[in-house]
Amino acid sequence: MYQYWHYGNQLQKICPMKYFHSSDVSFLGDSTRIRLNEVKQLMEIIDKTASQKGAKPTKKMNMSSTNTCFLRGKVGLKIPTTPTGRKRDIGRLKWSSAITYLPKASKKRRVD
């Protein structure tokens, strides 16, 4: 998802999702706008942590810089371990699962 957010899909000519607006996905239903905001929240956490770790996301990114930012920023999500105590692989989680596992304080967003 992080690659789609910053890099898009060049083969299918889809721009990076960070440029999407609610109106771009409104035809898909009301819940889609909410989902877009949830994805944005996750990406902001990853971007903030990546910046703190020396891999600041830029306006136009290539695949290599996108991967570097993700690898440095994913620790900011602070996803808990499984019930059996195993560490979750954040890179393999669906974004919707990552939202579920975020601490309650991280889920709150300010109203713009």
C-alpha atoms as a PDB file:
ATOM      1  CA  MET A   1       0.000   0.000   0.000  1.00  0.00           C
ATOM      2  CA  TYR A   2       2.885   2.347   0.799  1.00  0.00           C
ATOM      3  CA  GLN A   3       4.174   1.963  -2.754  1.00  0.00           C
ATOM      4  CA  TYR A   4       0.751   2.821  -4.178  1.00  0.00           C
ATOM      5  CA  TRP A   5       0.573   5.800  -1.835  1.00  0.00           C
ATOM      6  CA  HIS A   6       3.859   7.394  -2.918  1.00  0.00           C
ATOM      7  CA  TYR A   7       4.642   5.832  -6.300  1.00  0.00           C
ATOM      8  CA  GLY A   8       1.324   4.717  -7.770  1.00  0.00           C
ATOM      9  CA  ASN A   9       1.190   2.126 -10.519  1.00  0.00           C
ATOM     10  CA  GLN A  10       3.152   3.238 -13.560  1.00  0.00           C
ATOM     11  CA  LEU A  11       2.032   0.298 -15.720  1.00  0.00           C
ATOM     12  CA  GLN A  12      -1.655   1.055 -15.224  1.00  0.00           C
ATOM     13  CA  LYS A  13      -1.025   4.829 -15.292  1.00  0.00           C
ATOM     14  CA  ILE A  14      -2.372   5.403 -11.791  1.00  0.00           C
ATOM     15  CA  CYS A  15      -0.914   8.382  -9.980  1.00  0.00           C
ATOM     16  CA  PRO A  16       0.233   8.073  -6.349  1.00  0.00           C
ATOM     17  CA  MET A  17      -2.707   7.759  -3.967  1.00  0.00           C
ATOM     18  CA  LYS A  18      -1.412  10.661  -1.873  1.00  0.00           C
ATOM     19  CA  TYR A  19      -2.879  12.920  -4.576  1.00  0.00           C
ATOM     20  CA  PHE A  20      -6.369  11.392  -4.328  1.00  0.00           C
ATOM     21  CA  HIS A  21      -9.203  13.471  -2.915  1.00  0.00           C
ATOM     22  CA  SER A  22     -12.406  12.191  -1.348  1.00  0.00           C
ATOM     23  CA  SER A  23     -14.257  13.215  -4.497  1.00  0.00           C
ATOM     24  CA  ASP A  24     -11.990  10.925  -6.562  1.00  0.00           C
ATOM     25  CA  VAL A  25     -13.377   7.858  -4.794  1.00  0.00           C
ATOM     26  CA  SER A  26     -16.860   9.048  -3.831  1.00  0.00           C
ATOM     27  CA  PHE A  27     -18.497   7.095  -6.678  1.00  0.00           C
ATOM     28  CA  LEU A  28     -17.402   3.886  -4.907  1.00  0.00           C
ATOM     29  CA  GLY A  29     -19.591   4.608  -1.865  1.00  0.00           C
ATOM     30  CA  ASP A  30     -19.462   6.459   1.445  1.00  0.00           C
ATOM     31  CA  SER A  31     -17.194   3.958   3.158  1.00  0.00           C
ATOM     32  CA  THR A  32     -14.500   4.513   0.534  1.00  0.00           C
ATOM     33  CA  ARG A  33     -13.904   8.078   1.717  1.00  0.00           C
ATOM     34  CA  ILE A  34     -13.464   6.756   5.245  1.00  0.00           C
ATOM     35  CA  ARG A  35     -11.045   4.074   4.028  1.00  0.00           C
ATOM     36  CA  LEU A  36      -9.007   6.652   2.119  1.00  0.00           C
ATOM     37  CA  ASN A  37      -8.676   8.676   5.322  1.00  0.00           C
ATOM     38  CA  GLU A  38      -7.606   5.569   7.247  1.00  0.00           C
ATOM     39  CA  VAL A  39      -4.914   4.806   4.680  1.00  0.00           C
ATOM     40  CA  LYS A  40      -3.796   8.439   4.843  1.00  0.00           C
ATOM     41  CA  GLN A  41      -3.486   8.137   8.624  1.00  0.00           C
ATOM     42  CA  LEU A  42      -1.264   5.055   8.322  1.00  0.00           C
ATOM     43  CA  MET A  43       0.924   6.664   5.684  1.00  0.00           C
ATOM     44  CA  GLU A  44       1.359   9.795   7.825  1.00  0.00           C
ATOM     45  CA  ILE A  45       2.627   7.681  10.724  1.00  0.00           C
ATOM     46  CA  ILE A  46       5.086   5.838   8.466  1.00  0.00           C
ATOM     47  CA  ASP A  47       6.223   9.084   6.789  1.00  0.00           C
ATOM     48  CA  LYS A  48       6.764  10.853  10.107  1.00  0.00           C
ATOM     49  CA  THR A  49       8.851   7.989  11.479  1.00  0.00           C
ATOM     50  CA  ALA A  50      10.823   7.668   8.226  1.00  0.00           C
ATOM     51  CA  SER A  51      11.626  11.389   8.375  1.00  0.00           C
ATOM     52  CA  GLN A  52      12.857  11.041  11.941  1.00  0.00           C
ATOM     53  CA  LYS A  53      15.075   8.157  10.846  1.00  0.00           C
ATOM     54  CA  GLY A  54      16.644  10.119   7.974  1.00  0.00           C
ATOM     55  CA  ALA A  55      14.510   9.007   5.011  1.00  0.00           C
ATOM     56  CA  LYS A  56      12.220  11.962   4.410  1.00  0.00           C
ATOM     57  CA  PRO A  57       9.532  11.282   1.801  1.00  0.00           C
ATOM     58  CA  THR A  58       9.567  13.691  -1.128  1.00  0.00           C
ATOM     59  CA  LYS A  59       6.877  14.958  -3.441  1.00  0.00           C
ATOM     60  CA  LYS A  60       7.983  12.728  -6.339  1.00  0.00           C
ATOM     61  CA  MET A  61       9.484   9.388  -5.328  1.00  0.00           C
ATOM     62  CA  ASN A  62      10.860   6.406  -7.207  1.00  0.00           C
ATOM     63  CA  MET A  63      10.422   2.776  -6.162  1.00  0.00           C
ATOM     64  CA  SER A  64      13.790   2.628  -4.398  1.00  0.00           C
ATOM     65  CA  SER A  65      13.199   5.706  -2.230  1.00  0.00           C
ATOM     66  CA  THR A  66       9.659   4.532  -1.488  1.00  0.00           C
ATOM     67  CA  ASN A  67      10.961   1.192  -0.211  1.00  0.00           C
ATOM     68  CA  THR A  68      13.665   2.895   1.868  1.00  0.00           C
ATOM     69  CA  CYS A  69      11.117   5.181   3.517  1.00  0.00           C
ATOM     70  CA  PHE A  70       8.802   2.270   4.260  1.00  0.00           C
ATOM     71  CA  LEU A  71      11.547   0.145   5.809  1.00  0.00           C
ATOM     72  CA  ARG A  72      12.622   2.997   8.071  1.00  0.00           C
ATOM     73  CA  GLY A  73       9.125   4.202   8.884  1.00  0.00           C
ATOM     74  CA  LYS A  74       7.194   0.986   9.542  1.00  0.00           C
ATOM     75  CA  VAL A  75       8.479   0.773  13.115  1.00  0.00           C
ATOM     76  CA  GLY A  76       6.353   3.840  13.891  1.00  0.00           C
ATOM     77  CA  LEU A  77       3.170   1.789  13.612  1.00  0.00           C
ATOM     78  CA  LYS A  78       3.951  -0.092  16.844  1.00  0.00           C
ATOM     79  CA  ILE A  79       1.843  -3.121  15.897  1.00  0.00           C
ATOM     80  CA  PRO A  80       1.495  -5.534  18.856  1.00  0.00           C
ATOM     81  CA  THR A  81       2.549  -9.171  18.793  1.00  0.00           C
ATOM     82  CA  THR A  82       0.152 -12.023  18.043  1.00  0.00           C
ATOM     83  CA  PRO A  83      -1.757 -13.684  20.920  1.00  0.00           C
ATOM     84  CA  THR A  84       0.921 -16.397  20.952  1.00  0.00           C
ATOM     85  CA  GLY A  85       3.684 -13.788  21.291  1.00  0.00           C
ATOM     86  CA  ARG A  86       5.046 -13.869  17.726  1.00  0.00           C
ATOM     87  CA  LYS A  87       6.076 -10.580  16.137  1.00  0.00           C
ATOM     88  CA  ARG A  88       3.805  -9.553  13.248  1.00  0.00           C
ATOM     89  CA  ASP A  89       5.363  -8.929   9.829  1.00  0.00           C
ATOM     90  CA  ILE A  90       4.181  -5.373   9.187  1.00  0.00           C
ATOM     91  CA  GLY A  91       5.167  -5.586   5.537  1.00  0.00           C
ATOM     92  CA  ARG A  92       2.692  -8.404   4.976  1.00  0.00           C
ATOM     93  CA  LEU A  93      -0.244  -6.964   6.930  1.00  0.00           C
ATOM     94  CA  LYS A  94      -3.209  -5.596   5.042  1.00  0.00           C
ATOM     95  CA  TRP A  95      -3.671  -1.895   5.697  1.00  0.00           C
ATOM     96  CA  SER A  96      -7.093  -2.585   7.220  1.00  0.00           C
ATOM     97  CA  SER A  97      -5.495  -4.946   9.766  1.00  0.00           C
ATOM     98  CA  ALA A  98      -2.830  -2.378  10.566  1.00  0.00           C
ATOM     99  CA  ILE A  99      -5.563   0.178  11.340  1.00  0.00           C
ATOM    100  CA  THR A 100      -7.221  -2.330  13.681  1.00  0.00           C
ATOM    101  CA  TYR A 101      -3.982  -2.957  15.583  1.00  0.00           C
ATOM    102  CA  LEU A 102      -3.064   0.695  16.074  1.00  0.00           C
ATOM    103  CA  PRO A 103      -3.268   1.929  19.666  1.00  0.00           C
ATOM    104  CA  LYS A 104      -6.445   3.901  20.346  1.00  0.00           C
ATOM    105  CA  ALA A 105      -4.571   7.224  20.711  1.00  0.00           C
ATOM    106  CA  SER A 106      -3.025   6.829  17.235  1.00  0.00           C
ATOM    107  CA  LYS A 107      -6.416   6.333  15.623  1.00  0.00           C
ATOM    108  CA  LYS A 108      -7.672   9.784  16.591  1.00  0.00           C
ATOM    109  CA  ARG A 109      -7.340  12.407  13.884  1.00  0.00           C
ATOM    110  CA  ARG A 110      -7.720  16.094  14.120  1.00  0.00           C
ATOM    111  CA  VAL A 111     -10.483  17.656  12.075  1.00  0.00           C
ATOM    112  CA  ASP A 112      -9.106  19.866   9.272  1.00  0.00           C
END
